[in-house]
Amino acid sequence: MSTGTNLLGGPPPTHLPEHPEVDAEVAGGADPAEVAAAHPAASLPWALLAERALDDGQPVSAYAFARTGYHRGLDALRRAGWRGHGPVPWSHGPNRGFLRALAALQRAAEAIGETPEATRCRDFLRDCDPQAPAELLP
């Protein structure tokens, strides 16, 4: 069980800010495409679009949506003080959009045969939070 305490002296966990308007729209059943258009900097709607495309057997579209959510998430992580490494815990709700986009990117990369990228994404997801792959990957 993780206590959230870094005993190795590495960087502290990064916690992205909340986006209550995005969460409310998603929880209210809004189309993720509309949410992404209204809030393009938020990772969650891009992750949802990628997951839907994967479910629909459209890995190229999923890859594009996931990559957008991933890069939007990297931008947000950097604004929150992340310096390219360190924990991004799944337990912090606002981090989940980025982590879901990263997991969708891994799945889409794997589906289109981008094995090195799929491996990098899986490793990055595990580095962000060792519990995230179990939550997000088959």
C-alpha atoms as a PDB file:
ATOM      1  CA  MET A   1       0.000   0.000   0.000  1.00  0.00           C
ATOM      2  CA  SER A   2       1.338   3.402  -0.971  1.00  0.00           C
ATOM      3  CA  THR A   3       1.402   6.119   1.654  1.00  0.00           C
ATOM      4  CA  GLY A   4       2.210   8.863  -0.839  1.00  0.00           C
ATOM      5  CA  THR A   5       5.510   9.491   0.944  1.00  0.00           C
ATOM      6  CA  ASN A   6       8.596   9.330  -1.227  1.00  0.00           C
ATOM      7  CA  LEU A   7      11.247   7.643   0.887  1.00  0.00           C
ATOM      8  CA  LEU A   8      13.909   7.843  -1.831  1.00  0.00           C
ATOM      9  CA  GLY A   9      14.108  11.630  -1.899  1.00  0.00           C
ATOM     10  CA  GLY A  10      12.750  12.000  -5.444  1.00  0.00           C
ATOM     11  CA  PRO A  11      10.341  14.655  -6.614  1.00  0.00           C
ATOM     12  CA  PRO A  12       7.020  14.960  -4.826  1.00  0.00           C
ATOM     13  CA  PRO A  13       3.854  13.705  -6.522  1.00  0.00           C
ATOM     14  CA  THR A  14       2.359  16.063  -9.075  1.00  0.00           C
ATOM     15  CA  HIS A  15      -1.305  16.884  -8.618  1.00  0.00           C
ATOM     16  CA  LEU A  16      -3.058  18.515 -11.542  1.00  0.00           C
ATOM     17  CA  PRO A  17      -5.669  21.164 -10.795  1.00  0.00           C
ATOM     18  CA  GLU A  18      -9.347  20.298 -10.814  1.00  0.00           C
ATOM     19  CA  HIS A  19     -11.542  21.097 -13.809  1.00  0.00           C
ATOM     20  CA  PRO A  20     -15.032  21.069 -12.273  1.00  0.00           C
ATOM     21  CA  GLU A  21     -16.705  22.308 -15.462  1.00  0.00           C
ATOM     22  CA  VAL A  22     -15.192  19.452 -17.505  1.00  0.00           C
ATOM     23  CA  ASP A  23     -16.064  16.905 -14.829  1.00  0.00           C
ATOM     24  CA  ALA A  24     -19.635  18.196 -14.641  1.00  0.00           C
ATOM     25  CA  GLU A  25     -20.124  18.068 -18.414  1.00  0.00           C
ATOM     26  CA  VAL A  26     -18.690  14.540 -18.634  1.00  0.00           C
ATOM     27  CA  ALA A  27     -20.738  13.347 -15.642  1.00  0.00           C
ATOM     28  CA  GLY A  28     -23.816  14.923 -17.235  1.00  0.00           C
ATOM     29  CA  GLY A  29     -23.384  12.791 -20.346  1.00  0.00           C
ATOM     30  CA  ALA A  30     -22.102  15.462 -22.718  1.00  0.00           C
ATOM     31  CA  ASP A  31     -20.514  14.215 -25.921  1.00  0.00           C
ATOM     32  CA  PRO A  32     -16.736  14.086 -25.345  1.00  0.00           C
ATOM     33  CA  ALA A  33     -16.213  15.794 -28.729  1.00  0.00           C
ATOM     34  CA  GLU A  34     -18.243  18.780 -27.527  1.00  0.00           C
ATOM     35  CA  VAL A  35     -16.364  18.834 -24.216  1.00  0.00           C
ATOM     36  CA  ALA A  36     -13.005  18.660 -26.029  1.00  0.00           C
ATOM     37  CA  ALA A  37     -14.050  21.532 -28.309  1.00  0.00           C
ATOM     38  CA  ALA A  38     -15.159  23.627 -25.326  1.00  0.00           C
ATOM     39  CA  HIS A  39     -12.132  22.717 -23.164  1.00  0.00           C
ATOM     40  CA  PRO A  40      -9.307  21.722 -25.531  1.00  0.00           C
ATOM     41  CA  ALA A  41      -6.622  21.959 -22.832  1.00  0.00           C
ATOM     42  CA  ALA A  42      -8.275  19.255 -20.708  1.00  0.00           C
ATOM     43  CA  SER A  43      -6.971  15.704 -21.191  1.00  0.00           C
ATOM     44  CA  LEU A  44     -10.085  13.863 -20.036  1.00  0.00           C
ATOM     45  CA  PRO A  45     -12.341  14.483 -23.056  1.00  0.00           C
ATOM     46  CA  TRP A  46      -9.507  13.537 -25.430  1.00  0.00           C
ATOM     47  CA  ALA A  47      -8.958  10.343 -23.444  1.00  0.00           C
ATOM     48  CA  LEU A  48     -12.676   9.554 -23.648  1.00  0.00           C
ATOM     49  CA  LEU A  49     -12.642  10.114 -27.409  1.00  0.00           C
ATOM     50  CA  ALA A  50      -9.618   7.819 -27.729  1.00  0.00           C
ATOM     51  CA  GLU A  51     -11.239   5.116 -25.614  1.00  0.00           C
ATOM     52  CA  ARG A  52     -14.429   5.324 -27.679  1.00  0.00           C
ATOM     53  CA  ALA A  53     -12.442   5.078 -30.926  1.00  0.00           C
ATOM     54  CA  LEU A  54     -10.581   2.030 -29.583  1.00  0.00           C
ATOM     55  CA  ASP A  55     -13.896   0.425 -28.624  1.00  0.00           C
ATOM     56  CA  ASP A  56     -15.177   1.172 -32.153  1.00  0.00           C
ATOM     57  CA  GLY A  57     -12.160  -0.472 -33.789  1.00  0.00           C
ATOM     58  CA  GLN A  58     -10.664   2.819 -35.020  1.00  0.00           C
ATOM     59  CA  PRO A  59      -7.075   2.709 -33.730  1.00  0.00           C
ATOM     60  CA  VAL A  60      -5.762   5.516 -35.954  1.00  0.00           C
ATOM     61  CA  SER A  61      -8.405   7.943 -34.692  1.00  0.00           C
ATOM     62  CA  ALA A  62      -7.782   6.694 -31.165  1.00  0.00           C
ATOM     63  CA  TYR A  63      -4.078   7.359 -31.594  1.00  0.00           C
ATOM     64  CA  ALA A  64      -4.733  10.954 -32.685  1.00  0.00           C
ATOM     65  CA  PHE A  65      -7.165  11.646 -29.838  1.00  0.00           C
ATOM     66  CA  ALA A  66      -4.908   9.992 -27.253  1.00  0.00           C
ATOM     67  CA  ARG A  67      -1.816  11.848 -28.454  1.00  0.00           C
ATOM     68  CA  THR A  68      -3.694  15.153 -28.150  1.00  0.00           C
ATOM     69  CA  GLY A  69      -4.820  14.328 -24.599  1.00  0.00           C
ATOM     70  CA  TYR A  70      -1.334  13.149 -23.697  1.00  0.00           C
ATOM     71  CA  HIS A  71       0.336  16.350 -24.914  1.00  0.00           C
ATOM     72  CA  ARG A  72      -2.298  18.548 -23.267  1.00  0.00           C
ATOM     73  CA  GLY A  73      -1.612  16.608 -20.066  1.00  0.00           C
ATOM     74  CA  LEU A  74       2.154  17.073 -20.361  1.00  0.00           C
ATOM     75  CA  ASP A  75       1.573  20.818 -20.694  1.00  0.00           C
ATOM     76  CA  ALA A  76      -0.599  20.794 -17.560  1.00  0.00           C
ATOM     77  CA  LEU A  77       1.915  18.683 -15.641  1.00  0.00           C
ATOM     78  CA  ARG A  78       4.702  21.122 -16.457  1.00  0.00           C
ATOM     79  CA  ARG A  79       2.549  24.059 -15.345  1.00  0.00           C
ATOM     80  CA  ALA A  80       1.941  22.159 -12.080  1.00  0.00           C
ATOM     81  CA  GLY A  81       5.692  21.867 -11.432  1.00  0.00           C
ATOM     82  CA  TRP A  82       6.469  18.450 -12.913  1.00  0.00           C
ATOM     83  CA  ARG A  83       9.992  18.331 -14.369  1.00  0.00           C
ATOM     84  CA  GLY A  84       9.813  15.268 -16.581  1.00  0.00           C
ATOM     85  CA  HIS A  85       9.800  12.591 -13.906  1.00  0.00           C
ATOM     86  CA  GLY A  86       8.214  11.743 -10.633  1.00  0.00           C
ATOM     87  CA  PRO A  87       4.882  10.391  -9.448  1.00  0.00           C
ATOM     88  CA  VAL A  88       1.587  11.362 -11.068  1.00  0.00           C
ATOM     89  CA  PRO A  89      -0.791   9.440  -8.792  1.00  0.00           C
ATOM     90  CA  TRP A  90      -3.944   7.799 -10.104  1.00  0.00           C
ATOM     91  CA  SER A  91      -5.522   8.393  -6.689  1.00  0.00           C
ATOM     92  CA  HIS A  92      -5.667  12.148  -7.430  1.00  0.00           C
ATOM     93  CA  GLY A  93      -8.795  12.461  -9.580  1.00  0.00           C
ATOM     94  CA  PRO A  94      -7.628  15.355 -11.774  1.00  0.00           C
ATOM     95  CA  ASN A  95      -4.587  13.280 -12.872  1.00  0.00           C
ATOM     96  CA  ARG A  96      -6.827  10.608 -14.333  1.00  0.00           C
ATOM     97  CA  GLY A  97      -7.495  12.368 -17.640  1.00  0.00           C
ATOM     98  CA  PHE A  98      -3.779  12.471 -18.416  1.00  0.00           C
ATOM     99  CA  LEU A  99      -3.234   8.890 -17.241  1.00  0.00           C
ATOM    100  CA  ARG A 100      -6.205   7.662 -19.275  1.00  0.00           C
ATOM    101  CA  ALA A 101      -4.877   9.455 -22.363  1.00  0.00           C
ATOM    102  CA  LEU A 102      -1.458   7.866 -21.812  1.00  0.00           C
ATOM    103  CA  ALA A 103      -3.024   4.407 -21.445  1.00  0.00           C
ATOM    104  CA  ALA A 104      -5.146   4.947 -24.561  1.00  0.00           C
ATOM    105  CA  LEU A 105      -2.036   6.055 -26.433  1.00  0.00           C
ATOM    106  CA  GLN A 106      -0.321   2.826 -25.362  1.00  0.00           C
ATOM    107  CA  ARG A 107      -3.257   0.732 -26.565  1.00  0.00           C
ATOM    108  CA  ALA A 108      -3.601   2.626 -29.852  1.00  0.00           C
ATOM    109  CA  ALA A 109       0.138   2.473 -30.546  1.00  0.00           C
ATOM    110  CA  GLU A 110       0.040  -1.261 -29.938  1.00  0.00           C
ATOM    111  CA  ALA A 111      -2.972  -1.639 -32.235  1.00  0.00           C
ATOM    112  CA  ILE A 112      -1.227   0.102 -35.147  1.00  0.00           C
ATOM    113  CA  GLY A 113       2.044  -1.747 -34.653  1.00  0.00           C
ATOM    114  CA  GLU A 114       4.043   1.036 -32.992  1.00  0.00           C
ATOM    115  CA  THR A 115       5.593  -1.404 -30.541  1.00  0.00           C
ATOM    116  CA  PRO A 116       8.453   0.834 -29.287  1.00  0.00           C
ATOM    117  CA  GLU A 117       5.999   3.651 -28.522  1.00  0.00           C
ATOM    118  CA  ALA A 118       3.560   1.243 -26.886  1.00  0.00           C
ATOM    119  CA  THR A 119       6.383   0.025 -24.647  1.00  0.00           C
ATOM    120  CA  ARG A 120       7.454   3.588 -23.778  1.00  0.00           C
ATOM    121  CA  CYS A 121       3.876   4.506 -22.904  1.00  0.00           C
ATOM    122  CA  ARG A 122       3.417   1.408 -20.729  1.00  0.00           C
ATOM    123  CA  ASP A 123       6.700   2.164 -18.916  1.00  0.00           C
ATOM    124  CA  PHE A 124       5.780   5.838 -18.493  1.00  0.00           C
ATOM    125  CA  LEU A 125       2.358   4.916 -17.117  1.00  0.00           C
ATOM    126  CA  ARG A 126       3.981   2.563 -14.594  1.00  0.00           C
ATOM    127  CA  ASP A 127       6.541   5.252 -13.666  1.00  0.00           C
ATOM    128  CA  CYS A 128       3.730   7.759 -13.066  1.00  0.00           C
ATOM    129  CA  ASP A 129       1.935   5.364 -10.739  1.00  0.00           C
ATOM    130  CA  PRO A 130       2.686   1.644 -10.410  1.00  0.00           C
ATOM    131  CA  GLN A 131      -1.035   0.998  -9.847  1.00  0.00           C
ATOM    132  CA  ALA A 132      -2.189   2.823 -13.006  1.00  0.00           C
ATOM    133  CA  PRO A 133      -1.532   0.008 -15.513  1.00  0.00           C
ATOM    134  CA  ALA A 134      -3.698  -2.370 -13.485  1.00  0.00           C
ATOM    135  CA  GLU A 135      -6.493   0.241 -13.503  1.00  0.00           C
ATOM    136  CA  LEU A 136      -6.211   1.163 -17.181  1.00  0.00           C
ATOM    137  CA  LEU A 137      -4.680  -1.574 -19.304  1.00  0.00           C
ATOM    138  CA  PRO A 138      -6.122  -4.960 -20.203  1.00  0.00           C
END
